[in-house]
Amino acid sequence: MTAVFDFIIKPVGSRYNNSIDVNGKQLIINTKIESFKSVNKLAEVVSVPLAFETDIKPGDIIVIHHNVFRRFYDIKGRQKNSRSYFKEDLYFCAPDQIYLYNRDGEWKSYGDRCFVKPIKNIDQFKLDKERKHIGILKYGNESLNKLGINPGDLVGYKPYGEFEFIIDDQRLYCMKSNDIVIKYGYKGDEEEYNSRWS
């Protein structure tokens, strides 16, 4: 079973991540299907497209766009699957809906995507917990490497191009390579910021 242009995937776990474990008890954090923040973004690759070569292989774990597994209500109030739904627990996933893949325990960005970890705001006169539009590059890509921007570098990025993901219990911002606009030198007082409490 192989598609021509799309990956065929299945969710790791269920379609939604609606609960968290707190001291051995399950706490439900969301009951709405339309909330994109609770949609599962981890999938396992079942098959890869026939039309092109890819570094992603069947069995790899990937980070995807939230609309792949998302359900919604139509105009008559009926629950519907996304257009990515194939059958049973299988979904089609376009290459531009994949942001990161994991093989042998190592995460690698896919295409022109990269991930930035926010840093703490040390300005005592600002209420924001993290610095806006500045972070540490966590997962880079080939185009950034060619520019001398590598994982671990302090970078600045454009506003409104970043999307929040939780990867290995770390909050990261996903964006395109073109959203990275500057590489800063370290001052020595930068500290990673992770507001994920679960």
N, C-alpha and C. Protein backbone atom coordinates (compact mmCIF):
# COMPACT_ATOMS: atom_id res chain seq x y z
N MET A 1 0.85 -1.18 0.00
CA MET A 1 0.00 0.00 0.00
C MET A 1 0.89 1.24 0.00
N THR A 2 0.93 1.92 -1.12
CA THR A 2 1.80 3.08 -1.28
C THR A 2 1.07 4.15 -2.08
N ALA A 3 1.22 5.41 -1.68
CA ALA A 3 0.65 6.53 -2.43
C ALA A 3 1.69 7.08 -3.38
N VAL A 4 1.24 7.80 -4.40
CA VAL A 4 2.16 8.36 -5.39
C VAL A 4 2.90 9.57 -4.84
N PHE A 5 2.18 10.54 -4.27
CA PHE A 5 2.81 11.79 -3.83
C PHE A 5 2.83 11.99 -2.32
N ASP A 6 2.07 11.20 -1.57
CA ASP A 6 1.94 11.40 -0.13
C ASP A 6 2.55 10.24 0.67
N PHE A 7 2.94 10.56 1.89
CA PHE A 7 3.30 9.53 2.86
C PHE A 7 2.01 8.93 3.42
N ILE A 8 2.03 7.67 3.77
CA ILE A 8 0.93 7.08 4.52
C ILE A 8 1.44 6.86 5.94
N ILE A 9 0.69 7.39 6.90
CA ILE A 9 1.14 7.41 8.30
C ILE A 9 0.04 6.93 9.23
N LYS A 10 0.42 6.66 10.47
CA LYS A 10 -0.56 6.37 11.52
C LYS A 10 -0.12 7.10 12.78
N PRO A 11 -1.07 7.50 13.63
CA PRO A 11 -0.69 8.24 14.84
C PRO A 11 0.08 7.38 15.82
N VAL A 12 1.01 8.00 16.53
CA VAL A 12 1.68 7.34 17.65
C VAL A 12 0.79 7.60 18.86
N GLY A 13 0.11 6.56 19.32
CA GLY A 13 -0.90 6.74 20.36
C GLY A 13 -2.24 7.02 19.70
N SER A 14 -2.95 8.02 20.19
CA SER A 14 -4.25 8.37 19.61
C SER A 14 -4.15 9.67 18.83
N ARG A 15 -5.27 10.06 18.24
CA ARG A 15 -5.30 11.27 17.42
C ARG A 15 -5.13 12.55 18.24
N TYR A 16 -5.57 12.51 19.49
CA TYR A 16 -5.51 13.68 20.36
C TYR A 16 -4.72 13.36 21.62
N ASN A 17 -4.03 14.37 22.14
CA ASN A 17 -3.35 14.27 23.43
C ASN A 17 -4.14 15.14 24.41
N ASN A 18 -5.21 14.58 24.94
CA ASN A 18 -6.13 15.35 25.78
C ASN A 18 -5.90 15.22 27.26
N SER A 19 -4.92 14.43 27.67
CA SER A 19 -4.70 14.27 29.10
C SER A 19 -3.21 14.19 29.41
N ILE A 20 -2.89 14.51 30.64
CA ILE A 20 -1.51 14.42 31.12
C ILE A 20 -1.51 13.66 32.44
N ASP A 21 -0.37 13.10 32.78
CA ASP A 21 -0.22 12.35 34.03
C ASP A 21 0.26 13.30 35.13
N VAL A 22 -0.50 13.39 36.20
CA VAL A 22 -0.13 14.22 37.36
C VAL A 22 -0.16 13.33 38.59
N ASN A 23 1.02 13.02 39.11
CA ASN A 23 1.15 12.17 40.29
C ASN A 23 0.39 10.85 40.15
N GLY A 24 0.52 10.23 38.98
CA GLY A 24 -0.10 8.93 38.76
C GLY A 24 -1.57 8.97 38.38
N LYS A 25 -2.17 10.15 38.25
CA LYS A 25 -3.57 10.30 37.86
C LYS A 25 -3.65 11.02 36.52
N GLN A 26 -4.65 10.66 35.73
CA GLN A 26 -4.84 11.29 34.43
C GLN A 26 -5.68 12.56 34.60
N LEU A 27 -5.15 13.69 34.15
CA LEU A 27 -5.86 14.96 34.19
C LEU A 27 -6.25 15.32 32.76
N ILE A 28 -7.55 15.47 32.50
CA ILE A 28 -8.03 15.83 31.17
C ILE A 28 -7.86 17.33 31.00
N ILE A 29 -7.14 17.73 29.96
CA ILE A 29 -6.84 19.15 29.75
C ILE A 29 -7.65 19.76 28.61
N ASN A 30 -8.36 18.91 27.84
CA ASN A 30 -9.14 19.43 26.73
C ASN A 30 -10.25 18.45 26.37
N THR A 31 -11.43 18.98 26.06
CA THR A 31 -12.54 18.12 25.64
C THR A 31 -13.08 18.52 24.28
N LYS A 32 -12.44 19.45 23.60
CA LYS A 32 -12.92 19.93 22.31
C LYS A 32 -12.10 19.32 21.18
N ILE A 33 -12.78 18.86 20.13
CA ILE A 33 -12.03 18.28 19.01
C ILE A 33 -11.43 19.36 18.12
N GLU A 34 -11.97 20.57 18.17
CA GLU A 34 -11.49 21.62 17.28
C GLU A 34 -10.23 22.33 17.79
N SER A 35 -9.82 22.07 19.02
CA SER A 35 -8.63 22.71 19.58
C SER A 35 -7.36 22.09 18.98
N PHE A 36 -6.63 22.86 18.20
CA PHE A 36 -5.45 22.33 17.50
C PHE A 36 -4.31 22.00 18.46
N LYS A 37 -4.26 22.66 19.61
CA LYS A 37 -3.14 22.42 20.52
C LYS A 37 -3.13 21.01 21.10
N SER A 38 -4.29 20.37 21.16
CA SER A 38 -4.37 19.03 21.73
C SER A 38 -4.29 17.91 20.69
N VAL A 39 -4.16 18.27 19.44
CA VAL A 39 -4.06 17.25 18.39
C VAL A 39 -2.67 16.62 18.45
N ASN A 40 -2.62 15.31 18.35
CA ASN A 40 -1.34 14.59 18.33
C ASN A 40 -0.55 14.99 17.08
N LYS A 41 0.72 15.28 17.25
CA LYS A 41 1.56 15.68 16.12
C LYS A 41 2.67 14.67 15.84
N LEU A 42 2.60 13.52 16.51
CA LEU A 42 3.58 12.46 16.28
C LEU A 42 2.94 11.33 15.49
N ALA A 43 3.65 10.86 14.46
CA ALA A 43 3.13 9.79 13.62
C ALA A 43 4.24 8.82 13.26
N GLU A 44 3.84 7.61 12.89
CA GLU A 44 4.78 6.62 12.38
C GLU A 44 4.55 6.45 10.89
N VAL A 45 5.62 6.41 10.14
CA VAL A 45 5.52 6.27 8.68
C VAL A 45 5.23 4.82 8.33
N VAL A 46 4.16 4.62 7.56
CA VAL A 46 3.79 3.28 7.08
C VAL A 46 4.40 3.04 5.71
N SER A 47 4.30 4.06 4.82
CA SER A 47 4.93 3.95 3.50
C SER A 47 5.30 5.33 2.99
N VAL A 48 6.26 5.38 2.09
CA VAL A 48 6.76 6.64 1.53
C VAL A 48 6.25 6.79 0.09
N PRO A 49 6.22 8.01 -0.45
CA PRO A 49 5.69 8.23 -1.80
C PRO A 49 6.52 7.54 -2.88
N LEU A 50 5.86 7.18 -3.97
CA LEU A 50 6.53 6.58 -5.13
C LEU A 50 7.21 7.63 -6.00
N ALA A 51 6.72 8.86 -5.99
CA ALA A 51 7.12 9.87 -6.97
C ALA A 51 8.51 10.44 -6.75
N PHE A 52 9.07 10.34 -5.54
CA PHE A 52 10.38 10.95 -5.29
C PHE A 52 11.12 10.21 -4.20
N GLU A 53 12.43 10.44 -4.15
CA GLU A 53 13.29 9.86 -3.10
C GLU A 53 13.19 10.71 -1.84
N THR A 54 13.27 10.07 -0.70
CA THR A 54 13.22 10.78 0.57
C THR A 54 14.12 10.09 1.59
N ASP A 55 14.64 10.88 2.54
CA ASP A 55 15.45 10.32 3.62
C ASP A 55 14.59 9.59 4.64
N ILE A 56 13.30 9.89 4.67
CA ILE A 56 12.39 9.25 5.62
C ILE A 56 12.07 7.84 5.14
N LYS A 57 12.09 6.90 6.07
CA LYS A 57 11.83 5.49 5.75
C LYS A 57 10.63 4.98 6.55
N PRO A 58 9.97 3.92 6.07
CA PRO A 58 8.90 3.31 6.86
C PRO A 58 9.40 2.92 8.25
N GLY A 59 8.59 3.21 9.26
CA GLY A 59 8.97 2.93 10.64
C GLY A 59 9.52 4.15 11.37
N ASP A 60 9.93 5.20 10.63
CA ASP A 60 10.42 6.42 11.27
C ASP A 60 9.27 7.14 11.97
N ILE A 61 9.59 7.82 13.06
CA ILE A 61 8.62 8.68 13.76
C ILE A 61 8.80 10.09 13.21
N ILE A 62 7.68 10.74 12.87
CA ILE A 62 7.74 12.08 12.31
C ILE A 62 6.87 13.04 13.11
N VAL A 63 7.21 14.33 13.02
CA VAL A 63 6.41 15.41 13.61
C VAL A 63 5.69 16.08 12.45
N ILE A 64 4.36 16.18 12.57
CA ILE A 64 3.54 16.63 11.45
C ILE A 64 2.67 17.82 11.82
N HIS A 65 2.00 18.36 10.81
CA HIS A 65 1.04 19.45 10.97
C HIS A 65 -0.18 18.94 11.74
N HIS A 66 -0.74 19.80 12.57
CA HIS A 66 -1.87 19.39 13.42
C HIS A 66 -3.14 19.05 12.64
N ASN A 67 -3.29 19.53 11.42
CA ASN A 67 -4.53 19.27 10.68
C ASN A 67 -4.63 17.86 10.10
N VAL A 68 -3.55 17.10 10.12
CA VAL A 68 -3.59 15.75 9.55
C VAL A 68 -4.54 14.87 10.35
N PHE A 69 -4.42 14.86 11.67
CA PHE A 69 -5.26 14.01 12.51
C PHE A 69 -6.50 14.72 13.03
N ARG A 70 -6.61 15.98 12.83
CA ARG A 70 -7.66 16.79 13.43
C ARG A 70 -9.06 16.45 12.89
N ARG A 71 -10.04 16.48 13.77
CA ARG A 71 -11.44 16.34 13.37
C ARG A 71 -12.10 17.72 13.47
N PHE A 72 -13.23 17.89 12.79
CA PHE A 72 -13.93 19.17 12.83
C PHE A 72 -15.43 18.92 12.69
N TYR A 73 -16.20 19.98 12.91
CA TYR A 73 -17.65 19.93 12.71
C TYR A 73 -17.98 20.62 11.39
N ASP A 74 -18.83 19.97 10.59
CA ASP A 74 -19.24 20.61 9.34
C ASP A 74 -20.36 21.60 9.61
N ILE A 75 -20.91 22.17 8.55
CA ILE A 75 -21.92 23.22 8.69
C ILE A 75 -23.20 22.72 9.38
N LYS A 76 -23.42 21.40 9.33
CA LYS A 76 -24.60 20.82 9.97
C LYS A 76 -24.30 20.28 11.37
N GLY A 77 -23.09 20.51 11.85
CA GLY A 77 -22.73 20.09 13.20
C GLY A 77 -22.29 18.65 13.31
N ARG A 78 -22.02 17.99 12.19
CA ARG A 78 -21.57 16.60 12.20
C ARG A 78 -20.06 16.54 12.26
N GLN A 79 -19.53 15.59 13.05
CA GLN A 79 -18.08 15.41 13.12
C GLN A 79 -17.56 14.84 11.81
N LYS A 80 -16.45 15.40 11.35
CA LYS A 80 -15.84 14.94 10.11
C LYS A 80 -14.35 14.74 10.34
N ASN A 81 -13.77 13.80 9.58
CA ASN A 81 -12.32 13.62 9.56
C ASN A 81 -11.70 14.68 8.66
N SER A 82 -10.42 14.91 8.85
CA SER A 82 -9.71 15.82 7.95
C SER A 82 -9.62 15.19 6.56
N ARG A 83 -9.24 15.98 5.58
CA ARG A 83 -9.12 15.44 4.22
C ARG A 83 -7.96 14.46 4.10
N SER A 84 -7.10 14.41 5.13
CA SER A 84 -5.97 13.48 5.12
C SER A 84 -6.36 12.05 5.50
N TYR A 85 -7.56 11.89 6.04
CA TYR A 85 -7.99 10.57 6.50
C TYR A 85 -8.07 9.60 5.32
N PHE A 86 -7.50 8.39 5.51
CA PHE A 86 -7.52 7.37 4.47
C PHE A 86 -8.50 6.27 4.86
N LYS A 87 -8.15 5.48 5.87
CA LYS A 87 -9.05 4.44 6.38
C LYS A 87 -8.53 3.97 7.73
N GLU A 88 -9.44 3.45 8.54
CA GLU A 88 -9.13 2.96 9.87
C GLU A 88 -8.19 3.92 10.59
N ASP A 89 -6.94 3.53 10.83
CA ASP A 89 -6.01 4.39 11.56
C ASP A 89 -4.91 4.91 10.65
N LEU A 90 -5.18 5.03 9.35
CA LEU A 90 -4.19 5.47 8.38
C LEU A 90 -4.57 6.81 7.76
N TYR A 91 -3.54 7.61 7.48
CA TYR A 91 -3.76 8.96 6.95
C TYR A 91 -2.73 9.24 5.86
N PHE A 92 -3.13 10.11 4.91
CA PHE A 92 -2.18 10.63 3.93
C PHE A 92 -1.51 11.87 4.54
N CYS A 93 -0.25 12.05 4.24
CA CYS A 93 0.48 13.21 4.75
C CYS A 93 1.37 13.75 3.63
N ALA A 94 1.13 15.00 3.22
CA ALA A 94 1.93 15.63 2.18
C ALA A 94 3.32 15.95 2.71
N PRO A 95 4.34 15.97 1.85
CA PRO A 95 5.71 16.27 2.31
C PRO A 95 5.83 17.60 3.04
N ASP A 96 5.04 18.62 2.64
CA ASP A 96 5.17 19.92 3.32
C ASP A 96 4.45 19.96 4.67
N GLN A 97 3.83 18.83 5.08
CA GLN A 97 3.21 18.73 6.40
C GLN A 97 4.12 18.02 7.40
N ILE A 98 5.33 17.68 6.96
CA ILE A 98 6.30 17.00 7.82
C ILE A 98 7.40 17.99 8.20
N TYR A 99 7.71 18.05 9.50
CA TYR A 99 8.68 19.03 9.98
C TYR A 99 9.95 18.40 10.54
N LEU A 100 9.85 17.19 11.07
CA LEU A 100 10.96 16.58 11.78
C LEU A 100 10.78 15.07 11.71
N TYR A 101 11.87 14.34 11.66
CA TYR A 101 11.76 12.88 11.72
C TYR A 101 12.82 12.31 12.64
N ASN A 102 12.53 11.13 13.19
CA ASN A 102 13.41 10.51 14.16
C ASN A 102 13.81 9.13 13.67
N ARG A 103 15.11 8.91 13.62
CA ARG A 103 15.62 7.59 13.30
C ARG A 103 16.74 7.27 14.27
N ASP A 104 16.68 6.10 14.86
CA ASP A 104 17.68 5.64 15.82
C ASP A 104 17.86 6.62 16.97
N GLY A 105 16.76 7.23 17.42
CA GLY A 105 16.80 8.12 18.57
C GLY A 105 17.30 9.52 18.29
N GLU A 106 17.55 9.86 17.03
CA GLU A 106 18.06 11.19 16.69
C GLU A 106 17.05 11.93 15.81
N TRP A 107 16.70 13.16 16.24
CA TRP A 107 15.77 13.98 15.48
C TRP A 107 16.51 14.72 14.37
N LYS A 108 15.90 14.78 13.18
CA LYS A 108 16.46 15.51 12.05
C LYS A 108 15.36 16.33 11.40
N SER A 109 15.65 17.57 11.06
CA SER A 109 14.64 18.40 10.41
C SER A 109 14.42 17.92 8.99
N TYR A 110 13.24 18.22 8.47
CA TYR A 110 12.88 17.77 7.13
C TYR A 110 12.63 18.97 6.24
N GLY A 111 13.21 18.95 5.06
CA GLY A 111 13.03 20.06 4.11
C GLY A 111 13.67 21.33 4.62
N ASP A 112 12.93 22.43 4.53
CA ASP A 112 13.49 23.73 4.93
C ASP A 112 13.07 24.13 6.33
N ARG A 113 12.65 23.16 7.14
CA ARG A 113 12.21 23.46 8.51
C ARG A 113 13.37 23.43 9.49
N CYS A 114 13.24 24.21 10.55
CA CYS A 114 14.22 24.20 11.64
C CYS A 114 13.46 24.46 12.94
N PHE A 115 14.11 24.17 14.06
CA PHE A 115 13.47 24.32 15.37
C PHE A 115 14.37 25.14 16.28
N VAL A 116 13.74 26.09 16.99
CA VAL A 116 14.46 27.01 17.87
C VAL A 116 13.91 26.89 19.28
N LYS A 117 14.82 26.82 20.26
CA LYS A 117 14.42 26.75 21.67
C LYS A 117 14.42 28.17 22.24
N PRO A 118 13.31 28.58 22.89
CA PRO A 118 13.28 29.93 23.46
C PRO A 118 14.26 30.07 24.63
N ILE A 119 14.63 31.32 24.91
CA ILE A 119 15.52 31.59 26.05
C ILE A 119 14.81 32.51 27.04
N LYS A 120 15.27 32.46 28.28
CA LYS A 120 14.65 33.25 29.35
C LYS A 120 14.90 34.74 29.13
N ASN A 121 13.91 35.52 29.53
CA ASN A 121 14.03 36.96 29.51
C ASN A 121 14.64 37.39 30.84
N ILE A 122 15.78 38.03 30.80
CA ILE A 122 16.44 38.45 32.04
C ILE A 122 16.23 39.94 32.32
N ASP A 123 15.45 40.61 31.47
CA ASP A 123 15.14 42.03 31.69
C ASP A 123 14.09 42.13 32.79
N GLN A 124 14.46 42.65 33.94
CA GLN A 124 13.57 42.70 35.09
C GLN A 124 12.41 43.67 34.91
N PHE A 125 12.46 44.51 33.88
CA PHE A 125 11.39 45.48 33.65
C PHE A 125 10.35 44.99 32.64
N LYS A 126 10.49 43.75 32.17
CA LYS A 126 9.52 43.18 31.24
C LYS A 126 8.82 42.00 31.88
N LEU A 127 7.53 41.84 31.58
CA LEU A 127 6.74 40.76 32.17
C LEU A 127 6.88 39.44 31.43
N ASP A 128 7.32 39.49 30.19
CA ASP A 128 7.45 38.26 29.40
C ASP A 128 8.48 37.33 30.02
N LYS A 129 8.15 36.04 30.06
CA LYS A 129 9.06 35.05 30.64
C LYS A 129 10.18 34.68 29.67
N GLU A 130 9.96 34.86 28.38
CA GLU A 130 10.99 34.52 27.40
C GLU A 130 11.24 35.71 26.49
N ARG A 131 12.43 35.73 25.91
CA ARG A 131 12.79 36.80 24.98
C ARG A 131 12.06 36.60 23.67
N LYS A 132 11.53 37.64 23.14
CA LYS A 132 10.78 37.56 21.90
C LYS A 132 11.72 37.46 20.71
N HIS A 133 11.45 36.50 19.84
CA HIS A 133 12.11 36.36 18.53
C HIS A 133 13.61 36.10 18.62
N ILE A 134 14.05 35.54 19.75
CA ILE A 134 15.45 35.15 19.91
C ILE A 134 15.45 33.78 20.58
N GLY A 135 16.31 32.89 20.11
CA GLY A 135 16.39 31.57 20.71
C GLY A 135 17.64 30.83 20.28
N ILE A 136 17.74 29.60 20.73
CA ILE A 136 18.89 28.76 20.41
C ILE A 136 18.46 27.74 19.37
N LEU A 137 19.16 27.67 18.28
CA LEU A 137 18.82 26.71 17.22
C LEU A 137 19.03 25.30 17.75
N LYS A 138 17.95 24.53 17.78
CA LYS A 138 18.01 23.16 18.29
C LYS A 138 18.22 22.16 17.15
N TYR A 139 17.42 22.27 16.10
CA TYR A 139 17.55 21.40 14.93
C TYR A 139 17.62 22.28 13.70
N GLY A 140 18.76 22.27 13.05
CA GLY A 140 18.96 23.06 11.85
C GLY A 140 18.69 22.24 10.60
N ASN A 141 19.20 22.73 9.47
CA ASN A 141 19.08 22.00 8.21
C ASN A 141 20.24 22.36 7.31
N GLU A 142 20.27 21.75 6.15
CA GLU A 142 21.40 21.92 5.24
C GLU A 142 21.61 23.36 4.79
N SER A 143 20.52 24.06 4.49
CA SER A 143 20.66 25.44 4.01
C SER A 143 21.21 26.36 5.10
N LEU A 144 20.82 26.14 6.36
CA LEU A 144 21.38 26.94 7.45
C LEU A 144 22.84 26.59 7.70
N ASN A 145 23.17 25.29 7.60
CA ASN A 145 24.56 24.87 7.77
C ASN A 145 25.48 25.56 6.77
N LYS A 146 25.01 25.69 5.53
CA LYS A 146 25.82 26.35 4.49
C LYS A 146 26.06 27.82 4.80
N LEU A 147 25.15 28.43 5.59
CA LEU A 147 25.31 29.83 5.99
C LEU A 147 26.12 29.96 7.28
N GLY A 148 26.56 28.84 7.83
CA GLY A 148 27.33 28.87 9.07
C GLY A 148 26.47 28.98 10.31
N ILE A 149 25.19 28.66 10.18
CA ILE A 149 24.27 28.68 11.32
C ILE A 149 24.00 27.24 11.70
N ASN A 150 24.47 26.84 12.89
CA ASN A 150 24.44 25.45 13.31
C ASN A 150 23.68 25.29 14.62
N PRO A 151 23.22 24.06 14.92
CA PRO A 151 22.56 23.84 16.21
C PRO A 151 23.44 24.32 17.37
N GLY A 152 22.79 25.00 18.32
CA GLY A 152 23.52 25.58 19.45
C GLY A 152 23.77 27.06 19.29
N ASP A 153 23.60 27.60 18.07
CA ASP A 153 23.81 29.03 17.83
C ASP A 153 22.61 29.84 18.34
N LEU A 154 22.90 31.05 18.81
CA LEU A 154 21.87 31.98 19.23
C LEU A 154 21.41 32.74 17.99
N VAL A 155 20.11 32.66 17.69
CA VAL A 155 19.59 33.25 16.45
C VAL A 155 18.38 34.14 16.72
N GLY A 156 18.13 35.03 15.78
CA GLY A 156 16.93 35.85 15.80
C GLY A 156 16.04 35.44 14.64
N TYR A 157 14.72 35.51 14.83
CA TYR A 157 13.81 35.08 13.78
C TYR A 157 12.64 36.06 13.64
N LYS A 158 12.00 35.99 12.45
CA LYS A 158 10.88 36.88 12.15
C LYS A 158 9.68 36.55 13.04
N PRO A 159 8.87 37.56 13.36
CA PRO A 159 7.63 37.28 14.11
C PRO A 159 6.58 36.61 13.23
N TYR A 160 5.70 35.87 13.86
CA TYR A 160 4.52 35.24 13.25
C TYR A 160 4.84 34.09 12.30
N GLY A 161 6.07 33.63 12.26
CA GLY A 161 6.40 32.49 11.40
C GLY A 161 6.65 31.23 12.21
N GLU A 162 6.61 31.34 13.53
CA GLU A 162 6.96 30.20 14.38
C GLU A 162 5.70 29.50 14.89
N PHE A 163 5.80 28.17 15.01
CA PHE A 163 4.71 27.35 15.53
C PHE A 163 5.25 26.51 16.69
N GLU A 164 4.49 26.43 17.76
CA GLU A 164 4.95 25.75 18.97
C GLU A 164 4.75 24.24 18.88
N PHE A 165 5.80 23.50 19.26
CA PHE A 165 5.75 22.05 19.34
C PHE A 165 6.41 21.61 20.64
N ILE A 166 5.98 20.45 21.15
CA ILE A 166 6.63 19.84 22.30
C ILE A 166 7.37 18.62 21.78
N ILE A 167 8.70 18.65 21.82
CA ILE A 167 9.54 17.55 21.35
C ILE A 167 10.39 17.08 22.53
N ASP A 168 10.24 15.82 22.90
CA ASP A 168 10.98 15.26 24.05
C ASP A 168 10.84 16.15 25.29
N ASP A 169 9.60 16.56 25.57
CA ASP A 169 9.27 17.40 26.73
C ASP A 169 9.95 18.77 26.71
N GLN A 170 10.35 19.24 25.55
CA GLN A 170 10.89 20.59 25.40
C GLN A 170 10.00 21.37 24.45
N ARG A 171 9.71 22.60 24.82
CA ARG A 171 8.92 23.47 23.95
C ARG A 171 9.86 24.10 22.93
N LEU A 172 9.55 23.88 21.66
CA LEU A 172 10.37 24.40 20.57
C LEU A 172 9.47 25.13 19.57
N TYR A 173 10.07 26.08 18.86
CA TYR A 173 9.36 26.77 17.79
C TYR A 173 9.85 26.25 16.45
N CYS A 174 8.90 25.81 15.62
CA CYS A 174 9.21 25.36 14.27
C CYS A 174 9.04 26.53 13.32
N MET A 175 9.95 26.67 12.38
CA MET A 175 9.87 27.73 11.37
C MET A 175 10.65 27.31 10.14
N LYS A 176 10.59 28.13 9.10
CA LYS A 176 11.36 27.86 7.89
C LYS A 176 12.73 28.51 8.00
N SER A 177 13.65 28.03 7.20
CA SER A 177 15.02 28.58 7.20
C SER A 177 15.02 30.09 6.96
N ASN A 178 14.14 30.55 6.05
CA ASN A 178 14.09 31.98 5.72
C ASN A 178 13.60 32.85 6.87
N ASP A 179 13.00 32.22 7.89
CA ASP A 179 12.55 32.98 9.06
C ASP A 179 13.70 33.33 10.00
N ILE A 180 14.83 32.63 9.88
CA ILE A 180 16.03 32.96 10.67
C ILE A 180 16.70 34.15 9.98
N VAL A 181 16.82 35.26 10.69
CA VAL A 181 17.33 36.48 10.07
C VAL A 181 18.70 36.93 10.58
N ILE A 182 19.14 36.40 11.73
CA ILE A 182 20.42 36.85 12.26
C ILE A 182 21.01 35.78 13.18
N LYS A 183 22.32 35.73 13.21
CA LYS A 183 23.03 34.87 14.16
C LYS A 183 23.75 35.79 15.13
N TYR A 184 23.44 35.64 16.43
CA TYR A 184 24.03 36.48 17.46
C TYR A 184 25.25 35.80 18.06
N GLY A 185 26.10 36.60 18.67
CA GLY A 185 27.17 36.04 19.49
C GLY A 185 26.64 35.92 20.91
N TYR A 186 27.11 34.94 21.65
CA TYR A 186 26.66 34.75 23.04
C TYR A 186 27.26 35.82 23.94
N LYS A 187 26.42 36.33 24.87
CA LYS A 187 26.91 37.25 25.88
C LYS A 187 27.30 36.49 27.14
N GLY A 188 26.76 35.29 27.30
CA GLY A 188 27.09 34.48 28.46
C GLY A 188 25.98 34.41 29.49
N ASP A 189 24.93 35.24 29.35
CA ASP A 189 23.84 35.22 30.32
C ASP A 189 22.57 34.57 29.76
N GLU A 190 22.66 33.95 28.58
CA GLU A 190 21.49 33.32 27.97
C GLU A 190 21.18 32.00 28.68
N GLU A 191 19.90 31.75 28.90
CA GLU A 191 19.48 30.51 29.54
C GLU A 191 18.22 30.01 28.85
N GLU A 192 18.19 28.71 28.53
CA GLU A 192 17.03 28.13 27.86
C GLU A 192 15.80 28.28 28.75
N TYR A 193 14.65 28.47 28.10
CA TYR A 193 13.39 28.61 28.82
C TYR A 193 12.44 27.50 28.37
N ASN A 194 11.93 26.72 29.33
CA ASN A 194 10.99 25.66 29.02
C ASN A 194 9.83 25.76 30.00
N SER A 195 8.67 26.21 29.48
CA SER A 195 7.51 26.38 30.36
C SER A 195 6.67 25.12 30.47
N ARG A 196 7.08 24.04 29.83
CA ARG A 196 6.30 22.79 29.87
C ARG A 196 6.38 22.23 31.28
N TRP A 197 5.26 22.13 31.95
CA TRP A 197 5.26 21.67 33.34
C TRP A 197 4.90 20.22 33.49
N SER A 198 4.43 19.55 32.42
CA SER A 198 4.01 18.15 32.55
C SER A 198 5.16 17.20 32.45
